[in-house]
């Protein structure tokens, strides 16, 4: 359990540091991400981005958890 929590923490830190670079690459505005902008209201739900990040994190965790 400790290895898992440390791995998750390291991955989150790395993603936080790399996030500005990832946004420039278009990761935050993929087709399928929901964005609604009105006069006084903005709503953004990055469903496609969330799925891609989830798959990548799952593969990373699977790689580190296998013996």
PDB file of N, CA and C in Angstrom:
ATOM      1  N   UNK A   1       0.824  -1.193   0.000  1.00  0.00           N
ATOM      2  CA  UNK A   1       0.000   0.000   0.000  1.00  0.00           C
ATOM      3  C   UNK A   1       0.868   1.256   0.000  1.00  0.00           C
ATOM      4  N   UNK A   2       1.996   1.202   0.693  1.00  0.00           N
ATOM      5  CA  UNK A   2       2.871   2.363   0.758  1.00  0.00           C
ATOM      6  C   UNK A   2       3.458   2.687  -0.607  1.00  0.00           C
ATOM      7  N   UNK A   3       3.865   1.662  -1.340  1.00  0.00           N
ATOM      8  CA  UNK A   3       4.425   1.875  -2.677  1.00  0.00           C
ATOM      9  C   UNK A   3       3.393   2.506  -3.599  1.00  0.00           C
ATOM     10  N   UNK A   4       2.156   2.057  -3.490  1.00  0.00           N
ATOM     11  CA  UNK A   4       1.092   2.592  -4.321  1.00  0.00           C
ATOM     12  C   UNK A   4       0.873   4.078  -4.037  1.00  0.00           C
ATOM     13  N   UNK A   5       0.802   4.450  -2.779  1.00  0.00           N
ATOM     14  CA  UNK A   5       0.588   5.848  -2.420  1.00  0.00           C
ATOM     15  C   UNK A   5       1.761   6.723  -2.841  1.00  0.00           C
ATOM     16  N   UNK A   6       2.971   6.224  -2.676  1.00  0.00           N
ATOM     17  CA  UNK A   6       4.148   6.978  -3.105  1.00  0.00           C
ATOM     18  C   UNK A   6       4.140   7.141  -4.618  1.00  0.00           C
ATOM     19  N   UNK A   7       3.811   6.089  -5.340  1.00  0.00           N
ATOM     20  CA  UNK A   7       3.762   6.150  -6.802  1.00  0.00           C
ATOM     21  C   UNK A   7       2.709   7.146  -7.270  1.00  0.00           C
ATOM     22  N   UNK A   8       1.541   7.096  -6.662  1.00  0.00           N
ATOM     23  CA  UNK A   8       0.482   8.047  -7.025  1.00  0.00           C
ATOM     24  C   UNK A   8       0.933   9.475  -6.744  1.00  0.00           C
ATOM     25  N   UNK A   9       1.570   9.699  -5.615  1.00  0.00           N
ATOM     26  CA  UNK A   9       2.066  11.029  -5.281  1.00  0.00           C
ATOM     27  C   UNK A   9       3.099  11.530  -6.272  1.00  0.00           C
ATOM     28  N   UNK A  10       4.020  10.672  -6.653  1.00  0.00           N
ATOM     29  CA  UNK A  10       5.062  11.060  -7.616  1.00  0.00           C
ATOM     30  C   UNK A  10       4.436  11.363  -8.976  1.00  0.00           C
ATOM     31  N   UNK A  11       3.502  10.541  -9.402  1.00  0.00           N
ATOM     32  CA  UNK A  11       2.844  10.762 -10.690  1.00  0.00           C
ATOM     33  C   UNK A  11       2.081  12.083 -10.682  1.00  0.00           C
ATOM     34  N   UNK A  12       1.391  12.382  -9.598  1.00  0.00           N
ATOM     35  CA  UNK A  12       0.654  13.645  -9.508  1.00  0.00           C
ATOM     36  C   UNK A  12       1.589  14.848  -9.520  1.00  0.00           C
ATOM     37  N   UNK A  13       2.716  14.738  -8.855  1.00  0.00           N
ATOM     38  CA  UNK A  13       3.692  15.833  -8.863  1.00  0.00           C
ATOM     39  C   UNK A  13       4.241  16.045 -10.269  1.00  0.00           C
ATOM     40  N   UNK A  14       4.590  14.947 -10.943  1.00  0.00           N
ATOM     41  CA  UNK A  14       5.120  15.055 -12.305  1.00  0.00           C
ATOM     42  C   UNK A  14       4.076  15.654 -13.242  1.00  0.00           C
ATOM     43  N   UNK A  15       2.830  15.216 -13.130  1.00  0.00           N
ATOM     44  CA  UNK A  15       1.774  15.780 -13.969  1.00  0.00           C
ATOM     45  C   UNK A  15       1.557  17.259 -13.667  1.00  0.00           C
ATOM     46  N   UNK A  16       1.646  17.643 -12.410  1.00  0.00           N
ATOM     47  CA  UNK A  16       1.499  19.042 -12.043  1.00  0.00           C
ATOM     48  C   UNK A  16       2.593  19.909 -12.633  1.00  0.00           C
ATOM     49  N   UNK A  17       3.805  19.394 -12.652  1.00  0.00           N
ATOM     50  CA  UNK A  17       4.925  20.144 -13.216  1.00  0.00           C
ATOM     51  C   UNK A  17       4.809  20.209 -14.743  1.00  0.00           C
ATOM     52  N   UNK A  18       4.378  19.116 -15.352  1.00  0.00           N
ATOM     53  CA  UNK A  18       4.301  19.048 -16.810  1.00  0.00           C
ATOM     54  C   UNK A  18       2.995  19.588 -17.385  1.00  0.00           C
ATOM     55  N   UNK A  19       2.042  19.950 -16.547  1.00  0.00           N
ATOM     56  CA  UNK A  19       0.727  20.352 -17.034  1.00  0.00           C
ATOM     57  C   UNK A  19       0.769  21.525 -18.017  1.00  0.00           C
ATOM     58  N   UNK A  20       1.567  22.578 -17.769  1.00  0.00           N
ATOM     59  CA  UNK A  20       1.621  23.663 -18.767  1.00  0.00           C
ATOM     60  C   UNK A  20       2.089  23.171 -20.138  1.00  0.00           C
ATOM     61  N   UNK A  21       3.032  22.263 -20.170  1.00  0.00           N
ATOM     62  CA  UNK A  21       3.489  21.716 -21.450  1.00  0.00           C
ATOM     63  C   UNK A  21       2.415  20.852 -22.094  1.00  0.00           C
ATOM     64  N   UNK A  22       1.682  20.110 -21.277  1.00  0.00           N
ATOM     65  CA  UNK A  22       0.622  19.259 -21.806  1.00  0.00           C
ATOM     66  C   UNK A  22      -0.520  20.083 -22.387  1.00  0.00           C
ATOM     67  N   UNK A  23      -0.814  21.227 -21.784  1.00  0.00           N
ATOM     68  CA  UNK A  23      -1.873  22.081 -22.304  1.00  0.00           C
ATOM     69  C   UNK A  23      -1.482  22.672 -23.650  1.00  0.00           C
ATOM     70  N   UNK A  24      -0.216  23.024 -23.819  1.00  0.00           N
ATOM     71  CA  UNK A  24       0.241  23.560 -25.099  1.00  0.00           C
ATOM     72  C   UNK A  24       0.152  22.515 -26.203  1.00  0.00           C
ATOM     73  N   UNK A  25       0.261  21.245 -25.831  1.00  0.00           N
ATOM     74  CA  UNK A  25       0.179  20.183 -26.827  1.00  0.00           C
ATOM     75  C   UNK A  25      -1.264  19.879 -27.225  1.00  0.00           C
ATOM     76  N   UNK A  26      -2.240  20.488 -26.568  1.00  0.00           N
ATOM     77  CA  UNK A  26      -3.638  20.283 -26.914  1.00  0.00           C
ATOM     78  C   UNK A  26      -4.326  19.235 -26.076  1.00  0.00           C
ATOM     79  N   UNK A  27      -3.671  18.751 -25.044  1.00  0.00           N
ATOM     80  CA  UNK A  27      -4.270  17.689 -24.228  1.00  0.00           C
ATOM     81  C   UNK A  27      -5.529  18.157 -23.517  1.00  0.00           C
ATOM     82  N   UNK A  28      -5.618  19.413 -23.150  1.00  0.00           N
ATOM     83  CA  UNK A  28      -6.788  19.922 -22.433  1.00  0.00           C
ATOM     84  C   UNK A  28      -7.965  20.261 -23.311  1.00  0.00           C
ATOM     85  N   UNK A  29      -7.806  20.244 -24.615  1.00  0.00           N
ATOM     86  CA  UNK A  29      -8.888  20.619 -25.537  1.00  0.00           C
ATOM     87  C   UNK A  29      -9.058  19.584 -26.649  1.00  0.00           C
ATOM     88  N   UNK A  30      -9.282  18.359 -26.268  1.00  0.00           N
ATOM     89  CA  UNK A  30      -9.460  17.282 -27.242  1.00  0.00           C
ATOM     90  C   UNK A  30     -10.915  17.217 -27.694  1.00  0.00           C
ATOM     91  N   UNK A  31     -11.166  16.644 -28.875  1.00  0.00           N
ATOM     92  CA  UNK A  31     -12.554  16.407 -29.283  1.00  0.00           C
ATOM     93  C   UNK A  31     -13.223  15.482 -28.261  1.00  0.00           C
ATOM     94  N   UNK A  32     -14.381  15.843 -27.842  1.00  0.00           N
ATOM     95  CA  UNK A  32     -15.082  15.064 -26.823  1.00  0.00           C
ATOM     96  C   UNK A  32     -15.073  15.749 -25.469  1.00  0.00           C
ATOM     97  N   UNK A  33     -14.176  16.711 -25.272  1.00  0.00           N
ATOM     98  CA  UNK A  33     -14.190  17.517 -24.048  1.00  0.00           C
ATOM     99  C   UNK A  33     -15.341  18.515 -24.157  1.00  0.00           C
ATOM    100  N   UNK A  34     -16.102  18.629 -23.102  1.00  0.00           N
ATOM    101  CA  UNK A  34     -17.286  19.485 -23.117  1.00  0.00           C
ATOM    102  C   UNK A  34     -16.916  20.856 -22.583  1.00  0.00           C
ATOM    103  N   UNK A  35     -17.192  21.889 -23.381  1.00  0.00           N
ATOM    104  CA  UNK A  35     -16.925  23.265 -22.970  1.00  0.00           C
ATOM    105  C   UNK A  35     -18.137  24.115 -23.327  1.00  0.00           C
ATOM    106  N   UNK A  36     -18.723  24.770 -22.313  1.00  0.00           N
ATOM    107  CA  UNK A  36     -19.857  25.657 -22.517  1.00  0.00           C
ATOM    108  C   UNK A  36     -19.458  27.024 -21.972  1.00  0.00           C
ATOM    109  N   UNK A  37     -19.516  28.023 -22.836  1.00  0.00           N
ATOM    110  CA  UNK A  37     -19.172  29.383 -22.414  1.00  0.00           C
ATOM    111  C   UNK A  37     -20.322  30.312 -22.774  1.00  0.00           C
ATOM    112  N   UNK A  38     -20.825  30.989 -21.760  1.00  0.00           N
ATOM    113  CA  UNK A  38     -21.868  32.001 -21.953  1.00  0.00           C
ATOM    114  C   UNK A  38     -21.364  33.293 -21.331  1.00  0.00           C
ATOM    115  N   UNK A  39     -22.200  34.297 -21.273  1.00  0.00           N
ATOM    116  CA  UNK A  39     -21.782  35.604 -20.766  1.00  0.00           C
ATOM    117  C   UNK A  39     -21.107  35.529 -19.400  1.00  0.00           C
ATOM    118  N   UNK A  40     -21.815  35.058 -18.425  1.00  0.00           N
ATOM    119  CA  UNK A  40     -21.305  35.023 -17.043  1.00  0.00           C
ATOM    120  C   UNK A  40     -21.100  33.605 -16.535  1.00  0.00           C
ATOM    121  N   UNK A  41     -20.919  32.676 -17.441  1.00  0.00           N
ATOM    122  CA  UNK A  41     -20.859  31.281 -17.034  1.00  0.00           C
ATOM    123  C   UNK A  41     -19.885  30.525 -17.925  1.00  0.00           C
ATOM    124  N   UNK A  42     -19.013  29.759 -17.295  1.00  0.00           N
ATOM    125  CA  UNK A  42     -18.108  28.879 -18.024  1.00  0.00           C
ATOM    126  C   UNK A  42     -18.157  27.500 -17.386  1.00  0.00           C
ATOM    127  N   UNK A  43     -18.309  26.491 -18.213  1.00  0.00           N
ATOM    128  CA  UNK A  43     -18.322  25.114 -17.737  1.00  0.00           C
ATOM    129  C   UNK A  43     -17.414  24.305 -18.639  1.00  0.00           C
ATOM    130  N   UNK A  44     -16.507  23.573 -18.036  1.00  0.00           N
ATOM    131  CA  UNK A  44     -15.570  22.765 -18.809  1.00  0.00           C
ATOM    132  C   UNK A  44     -15.462  21.399 -18.154  1.00  0.00           C
ATOM    133  N   UNK A  45     -15.739  20.354 -18.919  1.00  0.00           N
ATOM    134  CA  UNK A  45     -15.641  18.985 -18.431  1.00  0.00           C
ATOM    135  C   UNK A  45     -14.798  18.181 -19.414  1.00  0.00           C
ATOM    136  N   UNK A  46     -13.532  17.931 -19.080  1.00  0.00           N
ATOM    137  CA  UNK A  46     -12.614  17.265 -20.010  1.00  0.00           C
ATOM    138  C   UNK A  46     -12.760  15.742 -19.988  1.00  0.00           C
ATOM    139  N   UNK A  47     -13.844  15.230 -20.542  1.00  0.00           N
ATOM    140  CA  UNK A  47     -14.112  13.796 -20.476  1.00  0.00           C
ATOM    141  C   UNK A  47     -13.083  12.987 -21.263  1.00  0.00           C
ATOM    142  N   UNK A  48     -12.746  13.408 -22.471  1.00  0.00           N
ATOM    143  CA  UNK A  48     -11.784  12.663 -23.278  1.00  0.00           C
ATOM    144  C   UNK A  48     -10.399  12.719 -22.653  1.00  0.00           C
ATOM    145  N   UNK A  49     -10.021  13.893 -22.195  1.00  0.00           N
ATOM    146  CA  UNK A  49      -8.730  14.045 -21.530  1.00  0.00           C
ATOM    147  C   UNK A  49      -8.668  13.175 -20.280  1.00  0.00           C
ATOM    148  N   UNK A  50      -9.755  13.120 -19.526  1.00  0.00           N
ATOM    149  CA  UNK A  50      -9.797  12.296 -18.319  1.00  0.00           C
ATOM    150  C   UNK A  50      -9.625  10.817 -18.644  1.00  0.00           C
ATOM    151  N   UNK A  51     -10.246  10.377 -19.715  1.00  0.00           N
ATOM    152  CA  UNK A  51     -10.125   8.969 -20.112  1.00  0.00           C
ATOM    153  C   UNK A  51      -8.690   8.646 -20.505  1.00  0.00           C
ATOM    154  N   UNK A  52      -8.056   9.533 -21.272  1.00  0.00           N
ATOM    155  CA  UNK A  52      -6.672   9.300 -21.696  1.00  0.00           C
ATOM    156  C   UNK A  52      -5.733   9.287 -20.499  1.00  0.00           C
ATOM    157  N   UNK A  53      -5.898  10.240 -19.591  1.00  0.00           N
ATOM    158  CA  UNK A  53      -5.058  10.288 -18.391  1.00  0.00           C
ATOM    159  C   UNK A  53      -5.276   9.038 -17.551  1.00  0.00           C
ATOM    160  N   UNK A  54      -6.513   8.578 -17.438  1.00  0.00           N
ATOM    161  CA  UNK A  54      -6.821   7.375 -16.675  1.00  0.00           C
ATOM    162  C   UNK A  54      -6.143   6.145 -17.275  1.00  0.00           C
ATOM    163  N   UNK A  55      -6.178   6.027 -18.587  1.00  0.00           N
ATOM    164  CA  UNK A  55      -5.536   4.884 -19.242  1.00  0.00           C
ATOM    165  C   UNK A  55      -4.030   4.914 -19.015  1.00  0.00           C
ATOM    166  N   UNK A  56      -3.425   6.086 -19.177  1.00  0.00           N
ATOM    167  CA  UNK A  56      -1.969   6.205 -18.982  1.00  0.00           C
ATOM    168  C   UNK A  56      -1.593   5.881 -17.542  1.00  0.00           C
ATOM    169  N   UNK A  57      -2.335   6.419 -16.575  1.00  0.00           N
ATOM    170  CA  UNK A  57      -2.045   6.125 -15.167  1.00  0.00           C
ATOM    171  C   UNK A  57      -2.249   4.651 -14.847  1.00  0.00           C
ATOM    172  N   UNK A  58      -3.271   4.046 -15.424  1.00  0.00           N
ATOM    173  CA  UNK A  58      -3.508   2.617 -15.200  1.00  0.00           C
ATOM    174  C   UNK A  58      -2.347   1.781 -15.727  1.00  0.00           C
ATOM    175  N   UNK A  59      -1.848   2.135 -16.900  1.00  0.00           N
ATOM    176  CA  UNK A  59      -0.708   1.406 -17.456  1.00  0.00           C
ATOM    177  C   UNK A  59       0.553   1.593 -16.603  1.00  0.00           C
ATOM    178  N   UNK A  60       0.777   2.800 -16.125  1.00  0.00           N
ATOM    179  CA  UNK A  60       1.945   3.059 -15.267  1.00  0.00           C
ATOM    180  C   UNK A  60       1.838   2.275 -13.970  1.00  0.00           C
ATOM    181  N   UNK A  61       0.676   2.312 -13.340  1.00  0.00           N
ATOM    182  CA  UNK A  61       0.489   1.580 -12.081  1.00  0.00           C
ATOM    183  C   UNK A  61       0.580   0.076 -12.301  1.00  0.00           C
ATOM    184  N   UNK A  62       0.016  -0.414 -13.401  1.00  0.00           N
ATOM    185  CA  UNK A  62       0.113  -1.841 -13.708  1.00  0.00           C
ATOM    186  C   UNK A  62       1.568  -2.245 -13.868  1.00  0.00           C
ATOM    187  N   UNK A  63       2.349  -1.413 -14.534  1.00  0.00           N
ATOM    188  CA  UNK A  63       3.768  -1.717 -14.748  1.00  0.00           C
ATOM    189  C   UNK A  63       4.523  -1.784 -13.427  1.00  0.00           C
ATOM    190  N   UNK A  64       4.237  -0.854 -12.490  1.00  0.00           N
ATOM    191  CA  UNK A  64       4.940  -0.844 -11.226  1.00  0.00           C
ATOM    192  C   UNK A  64       4.429  -1.894 -10.242  1.00  0.00           C
ATOM    193  N   UNK A  65       3.185  -2.323 -10.386  1.00  0.00           N
ATOM    194  CA  UNK A  65       2.611  -3.269  -9.430  1.00  0.00           C
ATOM    195  C   UNK A  65       2.898  -4.726  -9.773  1.00  0.00           C
ATOM    196  N   UNK A  66       3.213  -5.009 -11.013  1.00  0.00           N
ATOM    197  CA  UNK A  66       3.500  -6.405 -11.364  1.00  0.00           C
ATOM    198  C   UNK A  66       4.881  -6.802 -10.829  1.00  0.00           C
ATOM    199  N   UNK A  67       5.033  -8.055 -10.526  1.00  0.00           N
ATOM    200  CA  UNK A  67       6.282  -8.492  -9.907  1.00  0.00           C
ATOM    201  C   UNK A  67       7.167  -9.195 -10.873  1.00  0.00           C
TER     202      UNK A  67
END
